[in-house]
Amino acid sequence: MKARFFVVLIIGVLAAGSALAKEPIRLDASSDAAAESSWKQMIESVSAAKKQKLLLAMLQINLDGVNSAYEVVGNPELQGFGIARVKDRVAGLDADEIIELGSRTSGAEIRIQSVQ
């Protein structure tokens, strides 16, 4: 009886641990500092390929509605791209949701060229 209880307890702990580990990091927009901290955790928790997509999405969200480089030059707020600037738009989102939001934004076209 004790052995069966112990086995069930171990299985329960392992199942709970794996369920918790799969919970994605969500952006905490309660303050600029919280947004920066949760963003950093999110960036560090994803693969290199997803990290690139996530950073591109953050840039796209920052540039949403911007149509030219002239707008960026003329608006000091646009000259510093960061998660704090758009934290209210991405509040509570996980990495996949931020990437999806970035793909739906309109604004300046962003081209990525690899240097070889």
PDB file of N, CA and C in Angstrom:
ATOM      1  N   MET A   1       0.829  -1.199   0.000  1.00  0.00           N
ATOM      2  CA  MET A   1       0.000   0.000   0.000  1.00  0.00           C
ATOM      3  C   MET A   1       0.870   1.259   0.000  1.00  0.00           C
ATOM      4  N   LYS A   2       1.889   1.277   0.864  1.00  0.00           N
ATOM      5  CA  LYS A   2       2.788   2.441   0.927  1.00  0.00           C
ATOM      6  C   LYS A   2       3.540   2.618  -0.390  1.00  0.00           C
ATOM      7  N   ALA A   3       3.962   1.498  -0.985  1.00  0.00           N
ATOM      8  CA  ALA A   3       4.698   1.571  -2.249  1.00  0.00           C
ATOM      9  C   ALA A   3       3.813   2.136  -3.351  1.00  0.00           C
ATOM     10  N   ARG A   4       2.572   1.712  -3.392  1.00  0.00           N
ATOM     11  CA  ARG A   4       1.641   2.216  -4.409  1.00  0.00           C
ATOM     12  C   ARG A   4       1.414   3.719  -4.228  1.00  0.00           C
ATOM     13  N   PHE A   5       1.226   4.146  -2.979  1.00  0.00           N
ATOM     14  CA  PHE A   5       1.036   5.572  -2.684  1.00  0.00           C
ATOM     15  C   PHE A   5       2.255   6.374  -3.129  1.00  0.00           C
ATOM     16  N   PHE A   6       3.442   5.846  -2.844  1.00  0.00           N
ATOM     17  CA  PHE A   6       4.680   6.529  -3.208  1.00  0.00           C
ATOM     18  C   PHE A   6       4.800   6.671  -4.728  1.00  0.00           C
ATOM     19  N   VAL A   7       4.454   5.623  -5.460  1.00  0.00           N
ATOM     20  CA  VAL A   7       4.519   5.662  -6.922  1.00  0.00           C
ATOM     21  C   VAL A   7       3.528   6.694  -7.461  1.00  0.00           C
ATOM     22  N   VAL A   8       2.324   6.708  -6.928  1.00  0.00           N
ATOM     23  CA  VAL A   8       1.321   7.674  -7.364  1.00  0.00           C
ATOM     24  C   VAL A   8       1.778   9.097  -7.045  1.00  0.00           C
ATOM     25  N   LEU A   9       2.386   9.280  -5.876  1.00  0.00           N
ATOM     26  CA  LEU A   9       2.891  10.599  -5.491  1.00  0.00           C
ATOM     27  C   LEU A   9       3.985  11.064  -6.454  1.00  0.00           C
ATOM     28  N   ILE A  10       4.908  10.184  -6.785  1.00  0.00           N
ATOM     29  CA  ILE A  10       5.994  10.532  -7.715  1.00  0.00           C
ATOM     30  C   ILE A  10       5.424  10.900  -9.081  1.00  0.00           C
ATOM     31  N   ILE A  11       4.490  10.114  -9.587  1.00  0.00           N
ATOM     32  CA  ILE A  11       3.876  10.397 -10.887  1.00  0.00           C
ATOM     33  C   ILE A  11       3.168  11.743 -10.849  1.00  0.00           C
ATOM     34  N   GLY A  12       2.473  12.033  -9.772  1.00  0.00           N
ATOM     35  CA  GLY A  12       1.783  13.321  -9.633  1.00  0.00           C
ATOM     36  C   GLY A  12       2.748  14.484  -9.631  1.00  0.00           C
ATOM     37  N   VAL A  13       3.849  14.350  -8.915  1.00  0.00           N
ATOM     38  CA  VAL A  13       4.850  15.424  -8.856  1.00  0.00           C
ATOM     39  C   VAL A  13       5.476  15.637 -10.232  1.00  0.00           C
ATOM     40  N   LEU A  14       5.807  14.557 -10.920  1.00  0.00           N
ATOM     41  CA  LEU A  14       6.392  14.684 -12.259  1.00  0.00           C
ATOM     42  C   LEU A  14       5.417  15.312 -13.247  1.00  0.00           C
ATOM     43  N   ALA A  15       4.172  14.915 -13.178  1.00  0.00           N
ATOM     44  CA  ALA A  15       3.166  15.484 -14.081  1.00  0.00           C
ATOM     45  C   ALA A  15       2.973  16.968 -13.805  1.00  0.00           C
ATOM     46  N   ALA A  16       2.930  17.338 -12.540  1.00  0.00           N
ATOM     47  CA  ALA A  16       2.770  18.753 -12.190  1.00  0.00           C
ATOM     48  C   ALA A  16       3.981  19.547 -12.627  1.00  0.00           C
ATOM     49  N   GLY A  17       5.167  18.993 -12.464  1.00  0.00           N
ATOM     50  CA  GLY A  17       6.390  19.681 -12.867  1.00  0.00           C
ATOM     51  C   GLY A  17       6.459  19.907 -14.360  1.00  0.00           C
ATOM     52  N   SER A  18       6.065  18.905 -15.141  1.00  0.00           N
ATOM     53  CA  SER A  18       6.103  19.071 -16.598  1.00  0.00           C
ATOM     54  C   SER A  18       5.037  20.050 -17.066  1.00  0.00           C
ATOM     55  N   ALA A  19       3.906  20.096 -16.397  1.00  0.00           N
ATOM     56  CA  ALA A  19       2.854  21.053 -16.765  1.00  0.00           C
ATOM     57  C   ALA A  19       3.315  22.477 -16.484  1.00  0.00           C
ATOM     58  N   LEU A  20       4.004  22.674 -15.378  1.00  0.00           N
ATOM     59  CA  LEU A  20       4.496  24.008 -15.035  1.00  0.00           C
ATOM     60  C   LEU A  20       5.614  24.438 -15.981  1.00  0.00           C
ATOM     61  N   ALA A  21       6.457  23.521 -16.367  1.00  0.00           N
ATOM     62  CA  ALA A  21       7.582  23.855 -17.239  1.00  0.00           C
ATOM     63  C   ALA A  21       7.116  24.290 -18.627  1.00  0.00           C
ATOM     64  N   LYS A  22       5.954  23.848 -19.059  1.00  0.00           N
ATOM     65  CA  LYS A  22       5.473  24.169 -20.391  1.00  0.00           C
ATOM     66  C   LYS A  22       4.744  25.513 -20.449  1.00  0.00           C
ATOM     67  N   GLU A  23       4.485  26.108 -19.318  1.00  0.00           N
ATOM     68  CA  GLU A  23       3.788  27.403 -19.298  1.00  0.00           C
ATOM     69  C   GLU A  23       4.710  28.462 -19.906  1.00  0.00           C
ATOM     70  N   PRO A  24       4.290  29.114 -20.988  1.00  0.00           N
ATOM     71  CA  PRO A  24       5.161  30.108 -21.631  1.00  0.00           C
ATOM     72  C   PRO A  24       5.294  31.378 -20.790  1.00  0.00           C
ATOM     73  N   ILE A  25       6.394  32.053 -20.979  1.00  0.00           N
ATOM     74  CA  ILE A  25       6.624  33.336 -20.303  1.00  0.00           C
ATOM     75  C   ILE A  25       5.746  34.378 -20.984  1.00  0.00           C
ATOM     76  N   ARG A  26       5.055  35.144 -20.193  1.00  0.00           N
ATOM     77  CA  ARG A  26       4.181  36.201 -20.716  1.00  0.00           C
ATOM     78  C   ARG A  26       4.754  37.555 -20.317  1.00  0.00           C
ATOM     79  N   LEU A  27       4.527  38.547 -21.167  1.00  0.00           N
ATOM     80  CA  LEU A  27       5.082  39.866 -20.903  1.00  0.00           C
ATOM     81  C   LEU A  27       4.305  40.558 -19.792  1.00  0.00           C
ATOM     82  N   ASP A  28       5.021  40.976 -18.762  1.00  0.00           N
ATOM     83  CA  ASP A  28       4.455  41.701 -17.629  1.00  0.00           C
ATOM     84  C   ASP A  28       4.576  43.190 -17.927  1.00  0.00           C
ATOM     85  N   ALA A  29       3.455  43.854 -18.171  1.00  0.00           N
ATOM     86  CA  ALA A  29       3.464  45.271 -18.541  1.00  0.00           C
ATOM     87  C   ALA A  29       3.060  46.170 -17.381  1.00  0.00           C
ATOM     88  N   SER A  30       3.208  45.688 -16.154  1.00  0.00           N
ATOM     89  CA  SER A  30       2.803  46.493 -14.999  1.00  0.00           C
ATOM     90  C   SER A  30       3.682  47.731 -14.814  1.00  0.00           C
ATOM     91  N   SER A  31       4.893  47.703 -15.347  1.00  0.00           N
ATOM     92  CA  SER A  31       5.784  48.868 -15.314  1.00  0.00           C
ATOM     93  C   SER A  31       6.821  48.685 -16.426  1.00  0.00           C
ATOM     94  N   ASP A  32       7.560  49.749 -16.727  1.00  0.00           N
ATOM     95  CA  ASP A  32       8.615  49.632 -17.734  1.00  0.00           C
ATOM     96  C   ASP A  32       9.663  48.613 -17.295  1.00  0.00           C
ATOM     97  N   ALA A  33      10.037  48.658 -16.002  1.00  0.00           N
ATOM     98  CA  ALA A  33      11.056  47.736 -15.480  1.00  0.00           C
ATOM     99  C   ALA A  33      10.564  46.287 -15.555  1.00  0.00           C
ATOM    100  N   ALA A  34       9.310  46.056 -15.216  1.00  0.00           N
ATOM    101  CA  ALA A  34       8.745  44.705 -15.285  1.00  0.00           C
ATOM    102  C   ALA A  34       8.696  44.223 -16.728  1.00  0.00           C
ATOM    103  N   ALA A  35       8.351  45.113 -17.651  1.00  0.00           N
ATOM    104  CA  ALA A  35       8.306  44.751 -19.063  1.00  0.00           C
ATOM    105  C   ALA A  35       9.701  44.374 -19.554  1.00  0.00           C
ATOM    106  N   GLU A  36      10.691  45.167 -19.211  1.00  0.00           N
ATOM    107  CA  GLU A  36      12.071  44.879 -19.623  1.00  0.00           C
ATOM    108  C   GLU A  36      12.544  43.552 -19.040  1.00  0.00           C
ATOM    109  N   SER A  37      12.226  43.301 -17.779  1.00  0.00           N
ATOM    110  CA  SER A  37      12.647  42.073 -17.121  1.00  0.00           C
ATOM    111  C   SER A  37      11.984  40.844 -17.742  1.00  0.00           C
ATOM    112  N   SER A  38      10.679  40.899 -17.953  1.00  0.00           N
ATOM    113  CA  SER A  38       9.993  39.742 -18.529  1.00  0.00           C
ATOM    114  C   SER A  38      10.390  39.552 -19.996  1.00  0.00           C
ATOM    115  N   TRP A  39      10.664  40.643 -20.701  1.00  0.00           N
ATOM    116  CA  TRP A  39      11.137  40.563 -22.085  1.00  0.00           C
ATOM    117  C   TRP A  39      12.481  39.839 -22.134  1.00  0.00           C
ATOM    118  N   LYS A  40      13.370  40.206 -21.221  1.00  0.00           N
ATOM    119  CA  LYS A  40      14.689  39.577 -21.174  1.00  0.00           C
ATOM    120  C   LYS A  40      14.544  38.076 -20.892  1.00  0.00           C
ATOM    121  N   GLN A  41      13.680  37.711 -19.959  1.00  0.00           N
ATOM    122  CA  GLN A  41      13.445  36.299 -19.665  1.00  0.00           C
ATOM    123  C   GLN A  41      12.893  35.573 -20.885  1.00  0.00           C
ATOM    124  N   MET A  42      11.981  36.232 -21.585  1.00  0.00           N
ATOM    125  CA  MET A  42      11.364  35.631 -22.766  1.00  0.00           C
ATOM    126  C   MET A  42      12.424  35.388 -23.845  1.00  0.00           C
ATOM    127  N   ILE A  43      13.241  36.384 -24.102  1.00  0.00           N
ATOM    128  CA  ILE A  43      14.289  36.296 -25.125  1.00  0.00           C
ATOM    129  C   ILE A  43      15.270  35.169 -24.789  1.00  0.00           C
ATOM    130  N   GLU A  44      15.619  35.058 -23.510  1.00  0.00           N
ATOM    131  CA  GLU A  44      16.593  34.043 -23.092  1.00  0.00           C
ATOM    132  C   GLU A  44      16.019  32.627 -23.114  1.00  0.00           C
ATOM    133  N   SER A  45      14.704  32.509 -23.119  1.00  0.00           N
ATOM    134  CA  SER A  45      14.084  31.185 -23.014  1.00  0.00           C
ATOM    135  C   SER A  45      13.780  30.529 -24.362  1.00  0.00           C
ATOM    136  N   VAL A  46      13.989  31.245 -25.460  1.00  0.00           N
ATOM    137  CA  VAL A  46      13.629  30.702 -26.772  1.00  0.00           C
ATOM    138  C   VAL A  46      14.871  30.333 -27.578  1.00  0.00           C
ATOM    139  N   SER A  47      14.666  29.562 -28.619  1.00  0.00           N
ATOM    140  CA  SER A  47      15.757  29.159 -29.506  1.00  0.00           C
ATOM    141  C   SER A  47      16.279  30.374 -30.274  1.00  0.00           C
ATOM    142  N   ALA A  48      17.427  30.215 -30.902  1.00  0.00           N
ATOM    143  CA  ALA A  48      18.025  31.315 -31.670  1.00  0.00           C
ATOM    144  C   ALA A  48      17.116  31.751 -32.817  1.00  0.00           C
ATOM    145  N   ALA A  49      16.492  30.783 -33.489  1.00  0.00           N
ATOM    146  CA  ALA A  49      15.603  31.117 -34.607  1.00  0.00           C
ATOM    147  C   ALA A  49      14.374  31.880 -34.121  1.00  0.00           C
ATOM    148  N   LYS A  50      13.798  31.438 -33.020  1.00  0.00           N
ATOM    149  CA  LYS A  50      12.620  32.121 -32.486  1.00  0.00           C
ATOM    150  C   LYS A  50      13.006  33.486 -31.916  1.00  0.00           C
ATOM    151  N   LYS A  51      14.197  33.584 -31.362  1.00  0.00           N
ATOM    152  CA  LYS A  51      14.683  34.863 -30.830  1.00  0.00           C
ATOM    153  C   LYS A  51      14.733  35.906 -31.939  1.00  0.00           C
ATOM    154  N   GLN A  52      15.232  35.512 -33.115  1.00  0.00           N
ATOM    155  CA  GLN A  52      15.294  36.435 -34.243  1.00  0.00           C
ATOM    156  C   GLN A  52      13.891  36.882 -34.644  1.00  0.00           C
ATOM    157  N   LYS A  53      12.945  35.936 -34.702  1.00  0.00           N
ATOM    158  CA  LYS A  53      11.567  36.276 -35.050  1.00  0.00           C
ATOM    159  C   LYS A  53      10.938  37.183 -34.005  1.00  0.00           C
ATOM    160  N   LEU A  54      11.243  36.937 -32.749  1.00  0.00           N
ATOM    161  CA  LEU A  54      10.685  37.731 -31.659  1.00  0.00           C
ATOM    162  C   LEU A  54      11.228  39.161 -31.681  1.00  0.00           C
ATOM    163  N   LEU A  55      12.517  39.301 -31.907  1.00  0.00           N
ATOM    164  CA  LEU A  55      13.118  40.641 -32.002  1.00  0.00           C
ATOM    165  C   LEU A  55      12.579  41.399 -33.213  1.00  0.00           C
ATOM    166  N   LEU A  56      12.413  40.705 -34.320  1.00  0.00           N
ATOM    167  CA  LEU A  56      11.840  41.333 -35.515  1.00  0.00           C
ATOM    168  C   LEU A  56      10.399  41.769 -35.244  1.00  0.00           C
ATOM    169  N   ALA A  57       9.637  40.930 -34.562  1.00  0.00           N
ATOM    170  CA  ALA A  57       8.251  41.283 -34.231  1.00  0.00           C
ATOM    171  C   ALA A  57       8.198  42.515 -33.346  1.00  0.00           C
ATOM    172  N   MET A  58       9.102  42.599 -32.369  1.00  0.00           N
ATOM    173  CA  MET A  58       9.138  43.771 -31.490  1.00  0.00           C
ATOM    174  C   MET A  58       9.456  45.031 -32.295  1.00  0.00           C
ATOM    175  N   LEU A  59      10.362  44.924 -33.241  1.00  0.00           N
ATOM    176  CA  LEU A  59      10.689  46.049 -34.112  1.00  0.00           C
ATOM    177  C   LEU A  59       9.488  46.432 -34.966  1.00  0.00           C
ATOM    178  N   GLN A  60       8.792  45.433 -35.524  1.00  0.00           N
ATOM    179  CA  GLN A  60       7.614  45.706 -36.345  1.00  0.00           C
ATOM    180  C   GLN A  60       6.511  46.387 -35.529  1.00  0.00           C
ATOM    181  N   ILE A  61       6.323  45.948 -34.312  1.00  0.00           N
ATOM    182  CA  ILE A  61       5.299  46.548 -33.457  1.00  0.00           C
ATOM    183  C   ILE A  61       5.692  47.984 -33.117  1.00  0.00           C
ATOM    184  N   ASN A  62       6.971  48.219 -32.861  1.00  0.00           N
ATOM    185  CA  ASN A  62       7.449  49.577 -32.595  1.00  0.00           C
ATOM    186  C   ASN A  62       7.248  50.482 -33.800  1.00  0.00           C
ATOM    187  N   LEU A  63       7.371  49.934 -34.997  1.00  0.00           N
ATOM    188  CA  LEU A  63       7.257  50.735 -36.224  1.00  0.00           C
ATOM    189  C   LEU A  63       5.846  50.725 -36.822  1.00  0.00           C
ATOM    190  N   ASP A  64       4.899  50.153 -36.115  1.00  0.00           N
ATOM    191  CA  ASP A  64       3.529  50.096 -36.614  1.00  0.00           C
ATOM    192  C   ASP A  64       3.019  51.501 -36.918  1.00  0.00           C
ATOM    193  N   GLY A  65       2.575  51.704 -38.141  1.00  0.00           N
ATOM    194  CA  GLY A  65       2.052  53.000 -38.562  1.00  0.00           C
ATOM    195  C   GLY A  65       3.094  53.952 -39.100  1.00  0.00           C
ATOM    196  N   VAL A  66       4.371  53.616 -38.977  1.00  0.00           N
ATOM    197  CA  VAL A  66       5.448  54.456 -39.506  1.00  0.00           C
ATOM    198  C   VAL A  66       5.630  54.123 -40.978  1.00  0.00           C
ATOM    199  N   ASN A  67       5.658  55.143 -41.818  1.00  0.00           N
ATOM    200  CA  ASN A  67       5.738  54.914 -43.254  1.00  0.00           C
ATOM    201  C   ASN A  67       7.075  55.264 -43.874  1.00  0.00           C
ATOM    202  N   SER A  68       7.939  55.972 -43.133  1.00  0.00           N
ATOM    203  CA  SER A  68       9.224  56.339 -43.729  1.00  0.00           C
ATOM    204  C   SER A  68      10.263  56.596 -42.645  1.00  0.00           C
ATOM    205  N   ALA A  69      11.510  56.601 -43.067  1.00  0.00           N
ATOM    206  CA  ALA A  69      12.608  56.910 -42.153  1.00  0.00           C
ATOM    207  C   ALA A  69      12.526  58.361 -41.679  1.00  0.00           C
ATOM    208  N   TYR A  70      11.902  59.220 -42.488  1.00  0.00           N
ATOM    209  CA  TYR A  70      11.751  60.619 -42.100  1.00  0.00           C
ATOM    210  C   TYR A  70      10.917  60.753 -40.823  1.00  0.00           C
ATOM    211  N   GLU A  71       9.915  59.905 -40.690  1.00  0.00           N
ATOM    212  CA  GLU A  71       9.101  59.920 -39.479  1.00  0.00           C
ATOM    213  C   GLU A  71       9.928  59.534 -38.254  1.00  0.00           C
ATOM    214  N   VAL A  72      10.803  58.567 -38.433  1.00  0.00           N
ATOM    215  CA  VAL A  72      11.657  58.127 -37.322  1.00  0.00           C
ATOM    216  C   VAL A  72      12.606  59.250 -36.918  1.00  0.00           C
ATOM    217  N   VAL A  73      13.213  59.898 -37.910  1.00  0.00           N
ATOM    218  CA  VAL A  73      14.148  60.990 -37.635  1.00  0.00           C
ATOM    219  C   VAL A  73      13.434  62.159 -36.961  1.00  0.00           C
ATOM    220  N   GLY A  74      12.217  62.437 -37.370  1.00  0.00           N
ATOM    221  CA  GLY A  74      11.476  63.576 -36.836  1.00  0.00           C
ATOM    222  C   GLY A  74      10.781  63.326 -35.513  1.00  0.00           C
ATOM    223  N   ASN A  75      10.748  62.093 -35.040  1.00  0.00           N
ATOM    224  CA  ASN A  75      10.052  61.769 -33.803  1.00  0.00           C
ATOM    225  C   ASN A  75      11.023  61.105 -32.821  1.00  0.00           C
ATOM    226  N   PRO A  76      11.494  61.845 -31.816  1.00  0.00           N
ATOM    227  CA  PRO A  76      12.457  61.279 -30.861  1.00  0.00           C
ATOM    228  C   PRO A  76      11.951  60.012 -30.159  1.00  0.00           C
ATOM    229  N   GLU A  77      10.648  59.888 -29.989  1.00  0.00           N
ATOM    230  CA  GLU A  77      10.093  58.695 -29.348  1.00  0.00           C
ATOM    231  C   GLU A  77      10.375  57.436 -30.162  1.00  0.00           C
ATOM    232  N   LEU A  78      10.455  57.584 -31.478  1.00  0.00           N
ATOM    233  CA  LEU A  78      10.702  56.437 -32.356  1.00  0.00           C
ATOM    234  C   LEU A  78      12.184  56.091 -32.477  1.00  0.00           C
ATOM    235  N   GLN A  79      13.043  56.909 -31.935  1.00  0.00           N
ATOM    236  CA  GLN A  79      14.468  56.688 -32.107  1.00  0.00           C
ATOM    237  C   GLN A  79      15.043  55.676 -31.118  1.00  0.00           C
ATOM    238  N   GLY A  80      14.281  55.272 -30.145  1.00  0.00           N
ATOM    239  CA  GLY A  80      14.709  54.243 -29.208  1.00  0.00           C
ATOM    240  C   GLY A  80      13.700  53.114 -29.196  1.00  0.00           C
ATOM    241  N   PHE A  81      14.030  52.030 -29.878  1.00  0.00           N
ATOM    242  CA  PHE A  81      13.107  50.901 -29.939  1.00  0.00           C
ATOM    243  C   PHE A  81      13.332  50.013 -28.725  1.00  0.00           C
ATOM    244  N   GLY A  82      12.271  49.736 -28.033  1.00  0.00           N
ATOM    245  CA  GLY A  82      12.361  48.858 -26.878  1.00  0.00           C
ATOM    246  C   GLY A  82      10.983  48.333 -26.514  1.00  0.00           C
ATOM    247  N   ILE A  83      10.973  47.358 -25.663  1.00  0.00           N
ATOM    248  CA  ILE A  83       9.718  46.745 -25.287  1.00  0.00           C
ATOM    249  C   ILE A  83       8.884  47.692 -24.421  1.00  0.00           C
ATOM    250  N   ALA A  84       9.523  48.559 -23.648  1.00  0.00           N
ATOM    251  CA  ALA A  84       8.780  49.476 -22.771  1.00  0.00           C
ATOM    252  C   ALA A  84       7.877  50.401 -23.585  1.00  0.00           C
ATOM    253  N   ARG A  85       8.318  50.778 -24.775  1.00  0.00           N
ATOM    254  CA  ARG A  85       7.538  51.678 -25.620  1.00  0.00           C
ATOM    255  C   ARG A  85       6.218  51.050 -26.069  1.00  0.00           C
ATOM    256  N   VAL A  86       6.197  49.721 -26.238  1.00  0.00           N
ATOM    257  CA  VAL A  86       5.007  49.044 -26.751  1.00  0.00           C
ATOM    258  C   VAL A  86       4.411  48.060 -25.736  1.00  0.00           C
ATOM    259  N   LYS A  87       4.818  48.187 -24.479  1.00  0.00           N
ATOM    260  CA  LYS A  87       4.416  47.209 -23.464  1.00  0.00           C
ATOM    261  C   LYS A  87       2.906  47.064 -23.329  1.00  0.00           C
ATOM    262  N   ASP A  88       2.170  48.144 -23.498  1.00  0.00           N
ATOM    263  CA  ASP A  88       0.716  48.058 -23.358  1.00  0.00           C
ATOM    264  C   ASP A  88       0.078  47.261 -24.499  1.00  0.00           C
ATOM    265  N   ARG A  89       0.712  47.246 -25.657  1.00  0.00           N
ATOM    266  CA  ARG A  89       0.180  46.480 -26.801  1.00  0.00           C
ATOM    267  C   ARG A  89       0.466  44.994 -26.683  1.00  0.00           C
ATOM    268  N   VAL A  90       1.535  44.650 -25.958  1.00  0.00           N
ATOM    269  CA  VAL A  90       1.923  43.240 -25.854  1.00  0.00           C
ATOM    270  C   VAL A  90       1.729  42.681 -24.441  1.00  0.00           C
ATOM    271  N   ALA A  91       1.035  43.418 -23.609  1.00  0.00           N
ATOM    272  CA  ALA A  91       0.816  42.995 -22.218  1.00  0.00           C
ATOM    273  C   ALA A  91       0.158  41.619 -22.161  1.00  0.00           C
ATOM    274  N   GLY A  92       0.769  40.713 -21.416  1.00  0.00           N
ATOM    275  CA  GLY A  92       0.203  39.391 -21.209  1.00  0.00           C
ATOM    276  C   GLY A  92       0.426  38.402 -22.345  1.00  0.00           C
ATOM    277  N   LEU A  93       1.073  38.838 -23.423  1.00  0.00           N
ATOM    278  CA  LEU A  93       1.296  37.945 -24.568  1.00  0.00           C
ATOM    279  C   LEU A  93       2.545  37.092 -24.345  1.00  0.00           C
ATOM    280  N   ASP A  94       2.553  35.898 -24.939  1.00  0.00           N
ATOM    281  CA  ASP A  94       3.756  35.075 -24.917  1.00  0.00           C
ATOM    282  C   ASP A  94       4.522  35.305 -26.229  1.00  0.00           C
ATOM    283  N   ALA A  95       5.644  34.632 -26.393  1.00  0.00           N
ATOM    284  CA  ALA A  95       6.509  34.852 -27.563  1.00  0.00           C
ATOM    285  C   ALA A  95       5.776  34.596 -28.877  1.00  0.00           C
ATOM    286  N   ASP A  96       5.046  33.497 -28.959  1.00  0.00           N
ATOM    287  CA  ASP A  96       4.336  33.187 -30.206  1.00  0.00           C
ATOM    288  C   ASP A  96       3.274  34.237 -30.522  1.00  0.00           C
ATOM    289  N   GLU A  97       2.604  34.728 -29.512  1.00  0.00           N
ATOM    290  CA  GLU A  97       1.566  35.744 -29.721  1.00  0.00           C
ATOM    291  C   GLU A  97       2.176  37.083 -30.142  1.00  0.00           C
ATOM    292  N   ILE A  98       3.344  37.411 -29.605  1.00  0.00           N
ATOM    293  CA  ILE A  98       4.032  38.648 -30.003  1.00  0.00           C
ATOM    294  C   ILE A  98       4.490  38.529 -31.463  1.00  0.00           C
ATOM    295  N   ILE A  99       5.018  37.377 -31.840  1.00  0.00           N
ATOM    296  CA  ILE A  99       5.444  37.158 -33.228  1.00  0.00           C
ATOM    297  C   ILE A  99       4.248  37.285 -34.162  1.00  0.00           C
ATOM    298  N   GLU A 100       3.130  36.719 -33.776  1.00  0.00           N
ATOM    299  CA  GLU A 100       1.920  36.787 -34.604  1.00  0.00           C
ATOM    300  C   GLU A 100       1.424  38.228 -34.716  1.00  0.00           C
ATOM    301  N   LEU A 101       1.445  38.977 -33.618  1.00  0.00           N
ATOM    302  CA  LEU A 101       1.041  40.389 -33.643  1.00  0.00           C
ATOM    303  C   LEU A 101       1.969  41.185 -34.557  1.00  0.00           C
ATOM    304  N   GLY A 102       3.254  40.927 -34.480  1.00  0.00           N
ATOM    305  CA  GLY A 102       4.211  41.616 -35.337  1.00  0.00           C
ATOM    306  C   GLY A 102       3.939  41.375 -36.809  1.00  0.00           C
ATOM    307  N   SER A 103       3.513  40.172 -37.141  1.00  0.00           N
ATOM    308  CA  SER A 103       3.246  39.857 -38.545  1.00  0.00           C
ATOM    309  C   SER A 103       1.993  40.554 -39.070  1.00  0.00           C
ATOM    310  N   ARG A 104       1.133  41.004 -38.171  1.00  0.00           N
ATOM    311  CA  ARG A 104      -0.101  41.679 -38.588  1.00  0.00           C
ATOM    312  C   ARG A 104       0.026  43.194 -38.610  1.00  0.00           C
ATOM    313  N   THR A 105       1.146  43.739 -38.196  1.00  0.00           N
ATOM    314  CA  THR A 105       1.285  45.192 -38.132  1.00  0.00           C
ATOM    315  C   THR A 105       1.567  45.770 -39.505  1.00  0.00           C
ATOM    316  N   SER A 106       1.203  47.035 -39.650  1.00  0.00           N
ATOM    317  CA  SER A 106       1.490  47.733 -40.901  1.00  0.00           C
ATOM    318  C   SER A 106       2.445  48.863 -40.594  1.00  0.00           C
ATOM    319  N   GLY A 107       3.207  49.203 -41.542  1.00  0.00           N
ATOM    320  CA  GLY A 107       4.167  50.285 -41.339  1.00  0.00           C
ATOM    321  C   GLY A 107       5.344  50.116 -42.258  1.00  0.00           C
ATOM    322  N   ALA A 108       6.482  50.604 -41.827  1.00  0.00           N
ATOM    323  CA  ALA A 108       7.684  50.556 -42.641  1.00  0.00           C
ATOM    324  C   ALA A 108       8.048  49.106 -42.952  1.00  0.00           C
ATOM    325  N   GLU A 109       8.507  48.889 -44.166  1.00  0.00           N
ATOM    326  CA  GLU A 109       8.938  47.550 -44.553  1.00  0.00           C
ATOM    327  C   GLU A 109      10.296  47.280 -43.934  1.00  0.00           C
ATOM    328  N   ILE A 110      10.444  46.109 -43.373  1.00  0.00           N
ATOM    329  CA  ILE A 110      11.694  45.730 -42.728  1.00  0.00           C
ATOM    330  C   ILE A 110      12.317  44.591 -43.538  1.00  0.00           C
ATOM    331  N   ARG A 111      13.541  44.802 -43.937  1.00  0.00           N
ATOM    332  CA  ARG A 111      14.261  43.778 -44.698  1.00  0.00           C
ATOM    333  C   ARG A 111      15.478  43.355 -43.901  1.00  0.00           C
ATOM    334  N   ILE A 112      15.684  42.069 -43.839  1.00  0.00           N
ATOM    335  CA  ILE A 112      16.844  41.525 -43.134  1.00  0.00           C
ATOM    336  C   ILE A 112      17.756  40.893 -44.161  1.00  0.00           C
ATOM    337  N   GLN A 113      19.010  41.348 -44.157  1.00  0.00           N
ATOM    338  CA  GLN A 113      20.015  40.773 -45.045  1.00  0.00           C
ATOM    339  C   GLN A 113      21.078  40.128 -44.189  1.00  0.00           C
ATOM    340  N   SER A 114      21.463  38.946 -44.548  1.00  0.00           N
ATOM    341  CA  SER A 114      22.540  38.310 -43.816  1.00  0.00           C
ATOM    342  C   SER A 114      23.858  38.713 -44.470  1.00  0.00           C
ATOM    343  N   VAL A 115      24.834  38.953 -43.639  1.00  0.00           N
ATOM    344  CA  VAL A 115      26.157  39.330 -44.118  1.00  0.00           C
ATOM    345  C   VAL A 115      26.995  38.060 -44.203  1.00  0.00           C
ATOM    346  N   GLN A 116      27.549  37.826 -45.377  1.00  0.00           N
ATOM    347  CA  GLN A 116      28.335  36.610 -45.543  1.00  0.00           C
ATOM    348  C   GLN A 116      29.730  36.931 -45.988  1.00  0.00           C
TER     349      GLN A 116
END
